[in-house]
Protein backbone atom coordinates (compact mmCIF):
# COMPACT_ATOMS: atom_id res chain seq x y z
CA MET A 1 16.47 -93.22 -39.99
CA ASP A 2 20.07 -92.99 -38.72
CA GLU A 3 22.93 -91.49 -40.70
CA ALA A 4 24.53 -94.84 -41.52
CA GLN A 5 21.29 -96.12 -43.05
CA GLN A 6 20.78 -92.90 -45.02
CA ALA A 7 24.31 -93.22 -46.36
CA ALA A 8 23.66 -96.86 -47.28
CA ASP A 9 20.48 -95.86 -49.13
CA PHE A 10 22.37 -93.23 -51.12
CA LEU A 11 25.04 -95.78 -51.98
CA GLU A 12 22.36 -98.22 -53.14
CA SER A 13 21.00 -95.56 -55.48
CA LEU A 14 24.49 -95.09 -56.89
CA LYS A 15 24.87 -98.85 -57.40
CA GLY A 16 21.50 -98.99 -59.13
CA ASN A 17 22.50 -96.18 -61.46
CA LEU A 18 25.78 -97.88 -62.33
CA SER A 19 23.93 -101.12 -63.10
CA LYS A 20 22.22 -99.31 -65.97
CA ILE A 21 25.60 -99.26 -67.70
CA MET A 22 27.59 -102.07 -66.10
CA VAL A 23 26.53 -105.72 -66.31
CA GLY A 24 27.59 -107.69 -63.25
CA LYS A 25 30.87 -106.50 -61.69
CA GLU A 26 29.18 -106.01 -58.31
CA GLN A 27 32.46 -106.51 -56.44
CA ALA A 28 34.29 -103.92 -58.57
CA VAL A 29 31.44 -101.46 -58.05
CA ASP A 30 31.55 -102.02 -54.28
CA MET A 31 35.29 -101.36 -54.27
CA LEU A 32 34.87 -98.06 -56.14
CA LEU A 33 32.16 -96.92 -53.75
CA THR A 34 34.30 -97.95 -50.78
CA ALA A 35 37.08 -95.66 -52.03
CA LEU A 36 34.56 -92.89 -52.71
CA ILE A 37 33.36 -93.04 -49.11
CA CYS A 38 36.77 -92.57 -47.52
CA GLY A 39 38.34 -90.32 -50.15
CA GLY A 40 40.76 -92.86 -51.60
CA HIS A 41 41.97 -93.45 -55.15
CA VAL A 42 41.48 -96.63 -57.17
CA LEU A 43 43.74 -98.41 -59.66
CA ILE A 44 41.90 -100.80 -61.99
CA GLU A 45 44.22 -103.26 -63.70
CA ASP A 46 43.05 -105.74 -66.31
CA LEU A 47 43.20 -106.64 -69.97
CA PRO A 48 41.82 -104.24 -72.58
CA GLY A 49 38.11 -104.37 -73.34
CA LEU A 50 36.79 -105.53 -69.95
CA GLY A 51 35.05 -102.29 -68.97
CA LYS A 52 37.65 -100.46 -66.86
CA THR A 53 37.13 -97.05 -68.47
CA THR A 54 33.37 -97.56 -68.73
CA LEU A 55 33.06 -98.21 -64.99
CA ALA A 56 35.14 -95.16 -64.05
CA ALA A 57 33.27 -92.87 -66.46
CA ALA A 58 29.87 -94.18 -65.29
CA LEU A 59 30.70 -93.38 -61.66
CA ALA A 60 31.73 -89.84 -62.57
CA LYS A 61 28.56 -89.37 -64.62
CA SER A 62 26.42 -90.59 -61.71
CA LEU A 63 27.60 -87.63 -59.64
CA THR A 64 27.32 -83.97 -60.57
CA CYS A 65 31.03 -83.49 -59.98
CA SER A 66 33.47 -81.92 -62.41
CA PHE A 67 35.14 -84.64 -64.45
CA LYS A 68 38.23 -84.77 -66.64
CA ARG A 69 39.94 -87.60 -68.44
CA ILE A 70 43.65 -87.91 -69.14
CA GLN A 71 44.55 -90.35 -71.90
CA PHE A 72 48.11 -91.23 -70.97
CA THR A 73 50.54 -91.86 -73.82
CA PRO A 74 54.37 -91.73 -73.93
CA ASP A 75 54.36 -88.11 -75.14
CA VAL A 76 52.18 -86.70 -72.31
CA LEU A 77 54.19 -84.21 -70.23
CA PRO A 78 53.91 -83.45 -66.49
CA SER A 79 52.68 -79.93 -67.36
CA ASP A 80 49.78 -81.49 -69.29
CA VAL A 81 48.71 -83.08 -66.03
CA THR A 82 49.41 -80.36 -63.47
CA GLY A 83 49.40 -77.17 -65.53
CA PHE A 84 51.82 -74.38 -66.37
CA THR A 85 52.19 -70.61 -66.40
CA THR A 86 52.34 -68.47 -69.51
CA TYR A 87 52.39 -64.80 -70.40
CA ASN A 88 49.47 -63.12 -72.10
CA LEU A 89 51.03 -61.25 -75.00
CA ALA A 90 48.12 -58.80 -75.09
CA THR A 91 48.27 -57.76 -71.42
CA GLY A 92 51.83 -58.78 -70.51
CA GLU A 93 50.52 -60.51 -67.39
CA LYS A 94 51.31 -63.99 -66.18
CA GLU A 95 48.47 -66.49 -66.47
CA VAL A 96 48.03 -69.97 -65.02
CA ARG A 97 46.77 -72.72 -67.29
CA PHE A 98 45.60 -75.57 -65.10
CA GLY A 99 46.12 -79.14 -66.23
CA ALA A 100 43.63 -81.97 -66.40
CA VAL A 101 43.84 -82.73 -62.65
CA MET A 102 41.90 -79.59 -61.77
CA ALA A 103 38.61 -81.47 -61.38
CA GLN A 104 36.75 -83.37 -58.69
CA MET A 105 36.94 -86.72 -60.47
CA VAL A 106 39.91 -87.52 -62.70
CA LEU A 107 40.12 -90.56 -64.94
CA ALA A 108 43.78 -91.42 -65.54
CA ASP A 109 43.31 -93.79 -68.45
CA GLU A 110 46.13 -96.29 -69.14
CA ILE A 111 48.39 -94.64 -66.58
CA ASN A 112 51.22 -97.08 -67.24
CA ARG A 113 51.45 -96.03 -70.89
CA THR A 114 53.20 -92.78 -69.96
CA SER A 115 56.73 -92.14 -68.70
CA PRO A 116 57.74 -92.38 -65.02
CA LYS A 117 58.36 -88.61 -64.98
CA THR A 118 54.76 -87.93 -65.95
CA GLN A 119 53.46 -90.60 -63.57
CA SER A 120 55.27 -88.89 -60.69
CA SER A 121 53.40 -85.65 -61.37
CA LEU A 122 50.40 -87.28 -59.70
CA LEU A 123 52.17 -87.95 -56.38
CA GLU A 124 51.45 -84.57 -54.77
CA VAL A 125 48.04 -84.41 -56.38
CA MET A 126 46.90 -87.73 -54.93
CA GLN A 127 48.46 -87.36 -51.49
CA GLU A 128 47.93 -83.68 -50.71
CA HIS A 129 44.95 -82.84 -52.96
CA GLN A 130 46.90 -79.88 -54.28
CA VAL A 131 49.05 -78.99 -57.25
CA THR A 132 52.17 -76.80 -57.35
CA ILE A 133 52.78 -74.81 -60.52
CA ASP A 134 55.99 -72.77 -60.71
CA GLY A 135 56.26 -72.55 -56.94
CA THR A 136 52.63 -71.62 -56.26
CA THR A 137 50.30 -74.17 -54.64
CA TYR A 138 46.66 -74.50 -55.64
CA HIS A 139 44.12 -76.66 -53.83
CA LEU A 140 42.01 -79.07 -55.85
CA PRO A 141 38.20 -79.02 -55.65
CA GLU A 142 36.61 -81.42 -53.17
CA PRO A 143 35.63 -84.19 -53.21
CA PHE A 144 38.70 -85.22 -55.20
CA MET A 145 39.25 -88.74 -56.51
CA VAL A 146 41.56 -90.35 -59.07
CA LEU A 147 40.31 -93.40 -60.96
CA ALA A 148 43.23 -94.88 -62.86
CA THR A 149 43.24 -97.76 -65.30
CA GLN A 150 46.21 -99.75 -66.50
CA ASN A 151 46.92 -102.78 -68.63
CA PRO A 152 49.02 -105.61 -67.17
CA SER A 153 52.68 -104.58 -67.07
CA GLU A 154 53.79 -107.47 -69.26
CA LEU A 155 52.01 -105.93 -72.27
CA THR A 156 54.17 -104.06 -74.78
CA GLY A 157 54.82 -100.37 -74.23
CA THR A 158 54.04 -100.11 -70.52
CA TYR A 159 55.97 -98.49 -67.65
CA PRO A 160 55.30 -100.30 -64.34
CA LEU A 161 54.27 -97.92 -61.56
CA PRO A 162 56.89 -97.57 -58.79
CA GLU A 163 56.09 -98.46 -55.17
CA ALA A 164 55.66 -94.81 -54.15
CA GLN A 165 53.04 -94.31 -56.85
CA LEU A 166 51.20 -97.56 -56.08
CA ASP A 167 51.09 -96.65 -52.40
CA ARG A 168 48.96 -93.59 -53.22
CA PHE A 169 46.14 -95.83 -54.43
CA LEU A 170 43.85 -97.00 -51.66
CA LEU A 171 42.72 -100.00 -53.72
CA LYS A 172 43.96 -102.00 -56.66
CA ILE A 173 41.27 -104.12 -58.28
CA SER A 174 40.62 -106.07 -61.47
CA MET A 175 37.48 -106.58 -63.53
CA GLY A 176 37.77 -110.15 -64.78
CA TYR A 177 35.94 -111.79 -67.64
CA PRO A 178 32.13 -111.77 -67.56
CA THR A 179 30.11 -114.96 -67.17
CA ARG A 180 28.28 -116.40 -70.16
CA GLU A 181 25.00 -114.80 -69.05
CA GLU A 182 26.65 -111.44 -68.38
CA GLU A 183 28.35 -111.39 -71.77
CA TYR A 184 25.04 -112.19 -73.49
CA SER A 185 23.46 -109.26 -71.60
CA ILE A 186 26.33 -106.98 -72.65
CA LEU A 187 25.80 -107.85 -76.31
CA SER A 188 22.04 -107.41 -76.00
CA ARG A 189 22.41 -103.99 -74.34
CA HIS A 190 24.94 -102.88 -76.92
CA LYS A 191 22.62 -103.88 -79.74
CA ARG A 192 19.66 -102.01 -78.19
CA ALA A 193 21.80 -98.94 -77.59
CA GLY A 194 22.84 -98.98 -81.23
CA ALA A 195 19.18 -98.97 -82.18
CA GLY A 196 18.49 -96.03 -79.86
CA GLU A 197 16.63 -98.14 -77.29
CA GLY A 198 19.20 -98.42 -74.51
CA ILE A 199 21.02 -96.05 -72.16
CA THR A 200 24.54 -94.89 -72.91
CA ILE A 201 26.95 -93.17 -70.53
CA LYS A 202 26.14 -89.82 -72.13
CA GLU A 203 22.45 -90.36 -71.31
CA LEU A 204 23.07 -91.52 -67.73
CA GLU A 205 21.40 -89.19 -65.24
CA PRO A 206 23.26 -88.23 -62.03
CA VAL A 207 21.80 -89.41 -58.72
CA GLY A 208 24.08 -87.47 -56.38
CA THR A 209 26.05 -84.28 -55.96
CA ALA A 210 29.42 -83.25 -54.59
CA GLU A 211 27.71 -82.26 -51.33
CA ASP A 212 26.20 -85.75 -51.07
CA VAL A 213 29.70 -87.23 -51.29
CA LEU A 214 31.04 -84.81 -48.66
CA ALA A 215 28.09 -85.66 -46.38
CA LEU A 216 28.89 -89.34 -46.91
CA ARG A 217 32.45 -88.71 -45.79
CA ARG A 218 31.26 -86.90 -42.67
CA VAL A 219 29.28 -90.01 -41.72
CA PHE A 220 32.38 -92.10 -42.44
CA GLN A 221 34.41 -90.06 -39.94
CA LYS A 222 31.98 -91.11 -37.20
CA MET A 223 32.38 -94.85 -37.85
CA LYS A 224 33.29 -96.96 -34.82
CA CYS A 225 36.37 -99.17 -34.87
CA SER A 226 37.14 -101.14 -31.70
CA ASP A 227 40.55 -101.62 -30.14
CA ALA A 228 40.25 -105.30 -31.04
CA ILE A 229 39.89 -104.44 -34.74
CA LEU A 230 42.82 -102.01 -34.59
CA ASN A 231 44.97 -104.71 -33.00
CA TYR A 232 43.81 -107.18 -35.67
CA ILE A 233 45.00 -104.81 -38.42
CA VAL A 234 48.33 -104.20 -36.65
CA GLN A 235 49.00 -107.94 -36.39
CA ILE A 236 48.36 -108.40 -40.12
CA SER A 237 50.82 -105.61 -40.95
CA GLN A 238 53.43 -106.90 -38.51
CA LYS A 239 53.27 -110.41 -39.98
CA SER A 240 53.78 -109.06 -43.50
CA ARG A 241 57.08 -107.52 -42.38
CA SER A 242 58.41 -110.79 -40.98
CA ASN A 243 57.14 -113.08 -43.75
CA GLU A 244 60.05 -114.82 -45.46
CA GLN A 245 58.47 -114.46 -48.91
CA ILE A 246 58.06 -110.68 -48.67
CA ALA A 247 60.93 -108.24 -49.24
CA LEU A 248 58.92 -105.09 -48.59
CA GLY A 249 56.12 -105.35 -46.01
CA ILE A 250 53.15 -103.18 -45.15
CA SER A 251 53.98 -99.65 -43.98
CA PRO A 252 51.99 -97.70 -41.36
CA ARG A 253 50.32 -95.89 -44.27
CA GLY A 254 49.10 -99.28 -45.47
CA SER A 255 47.72 -100.04 -42.00
CA ILE A 256 45.84 -96.74 -42.00
CA ALA A 257 44.51 -97.50 -45.47
CA LEU A 258 43.22 -100.91 -44.33
CA MET A 259 41.51 -99.36 -41.31
CA GLU A 260 39.82 -96.65 -43.38
CA ALA A 261 38.80 -99.06 -46.14
CA SER A 262 37.30 -101.41 -43.54
CA MET A 263 35.33 -98.53 -42.02
CA ALA A 264 34.07 -97.52 -45.46
CA HIS A 265 33.16 -101.12 -46.30
CA ALA A 266 31.14 -101.36 -43.09
CA LEU A 267 29.24 -98.19 -44.03
CA LEU A 268 28.58 -99.62 -47.48
CA LYS A 269 26.93 -102.57 -45.72
CA GLY A 270 24.75 -100.25 -43.63
CA ARG A 271 26.64 -100.55 -40.32
CA ASP A 272 28.27 -97.85 -38.19
CA TYR A 273 30.91 -100.20 -36.76
CA VAL A 274 33.63 -102.47 -38.19
CA ILE A 275 33.69 -106.25 -37.86
CA PRO A 276 36.56 -108.65 -38.75
CA ASP A 277 34.87 -109.63 -42.02
CA ASP A 278 35.28 -106.03 -43.23
CA VAL A 279 39.03 -106.27 -42.65
CA LYS A 280 39.20 -109.66 -44.40
CA ASP A 281 37.25 -108.39 -47.41
CA MET A 282 39.45 -105.33 -47.84
CA ALA A 283 42.88 -106.81 -47.03
CA GLY A 284 43.52 -108.08 -50.57
CA PRO A 285 42.57 -104.93 -52.55
CA VAL A 286 44.25 -102.63 -50.00
CA LEU A 287 47.46 -104.52 -49.22
CA GLY A 288 48.19 -106.66 -52.28
CA HIS A 289 49.85 -103.86 -54.27
CA ARG A 290 51.73 -102.53 -51.24
CA VAL A 291 54.03 -105.50 -50.71
CA ARG A 292 56.99 -106.57 -52.81
CA LEU A 293 57.85 -110.24 -53.01
CA ASN A 294 61.41 -111.51 -52.79
CA LEU A 295 63.15 -113.25 -55.67
CA GLN A 296 62.37 -116.77 -54.48
CA ALA A 297 58.62 -116.13 -54.23
CA SER A 298 58.61 -114.42 -57.61
CA MET A 299 60.39 -117.35 -59.24
CA LYS A 300 57.70 -119.67 -57.84
CA ASN A 301 55.05 -117.45 -59.50
CA ARG A 302 53.49 -116.59 -56.14
CA SER A 303 51.24 -113.53 -56.14
CA ALA A 304 51.19 -110.85 -53.47
CA GLN A 305 47.42 -111.23 -53.14
CA GLU A 306 47.80 -114.94 -52.48
CA ILE A 307 50.47 -114.47 -49.82
CA MET A 308 48.51 -111.68 -48.09
CA LYS A 309 45.47 -113.95 -47.99
CA GLU A 310 47.59 -116.58 -46.23
CA ILE A 311 48.84 -113.98 -43.74
CA VAL A 312 45.32 -112.77 -42.94
CA SER A 313 44.19 -116.38 -42.44
CA SER A 314 47.04 -116.98 -39.98
CA VAL A 315 46.04 -114.11 -37.68
CA ALA A 316 43.55 -114.97 -34.92
CA VAL A 317 40.21 -113.26 -35.45
CA PRO A 318 39.04 -111.23 -32.44
CA GLY A 319 35.66 -112.19 -31.02
CA VAL A 320 33.08 -111.19 -28.47
CA ALA A 321 33.90 -114.22 -26.34
CA GLU A 322 37.37 -112.77 -25.73
CA GLY A 323 35.89 -109.60 -24.26
CA THR A 324 36.76 -107.58 -27.35
CA GLY A 325 33.25 -107.07 -28.67
CA PHE A 326 32.52 -104.82 -31.61
CA LEU A 327 29.42 -103.15 -30.14
CA GLY A 328 30.67 -102.61 -26.62
CA GLY A 329 34.16 -101.26 -26.21
CA VAL A 330 34.08 -99.43 -29.53
CA ARG A 331 35.55 -96.02 -30.01
């Protein structure tokens, strides 16, 4: 069995474990696993009560990685997140008290409930996988991943994340309401769990380790992405910068994010090479939160996801007939 198939089998076991807690939400689960593969962070935005925190906590519980949760509120300080130094009165020596980010998986719950100053304390953490406390830098344990949840910004008491903060998230996804059958299953599971017959997050057994995740990422680094696919991604980014409805287009960091997310999505599907459908599937979650619409588009209630979908549809899809095959000519 090749490495890509072994990785796909491990990912299937993770999905099966998550299904013991989550009902439906296959697309949201796939997005979380895509970010896990390539070492990205995920922002889950939706209304309260749709399972955002449950999904993030279930993923952490499925892996034997260290896990910490930060419940963001307006009074949370940057030092609560990163840490601080103090003096031990008994010994007179300086001691470092690490904040909640010193873990392999961090759940930043309701991240837009806290102040912009506290939000910005995650910038270095998410980009560099390190934290600086009073001038001294400490590396975070690997694999490191931030799973953040937020309520829609129009709800009372929220602080919208700035562009620099949003850009640190590989993906921005939503949960959505369950179907009638899914909601019935949720109620049934909840009732059984209350009677001691079901499985709760606390009882969920892990199916992987930190080393499994690192091995997964080593396979990801070997994924093949043809010149045709790279050019396809570049054209999408270039068109976003010239679109008359967009004030702030996709940066090179966004192009890199789309390439890596497409590679991870291909691995999730059991392939060791990227095809155009991978790029199409990942363009919305990767690029939607990275563009800023101009005033006219905003007044027409256009969404960034909608406009990016139009841009992707307008770019010619590379094909084998053009001599840009995905199996030959890959690198």
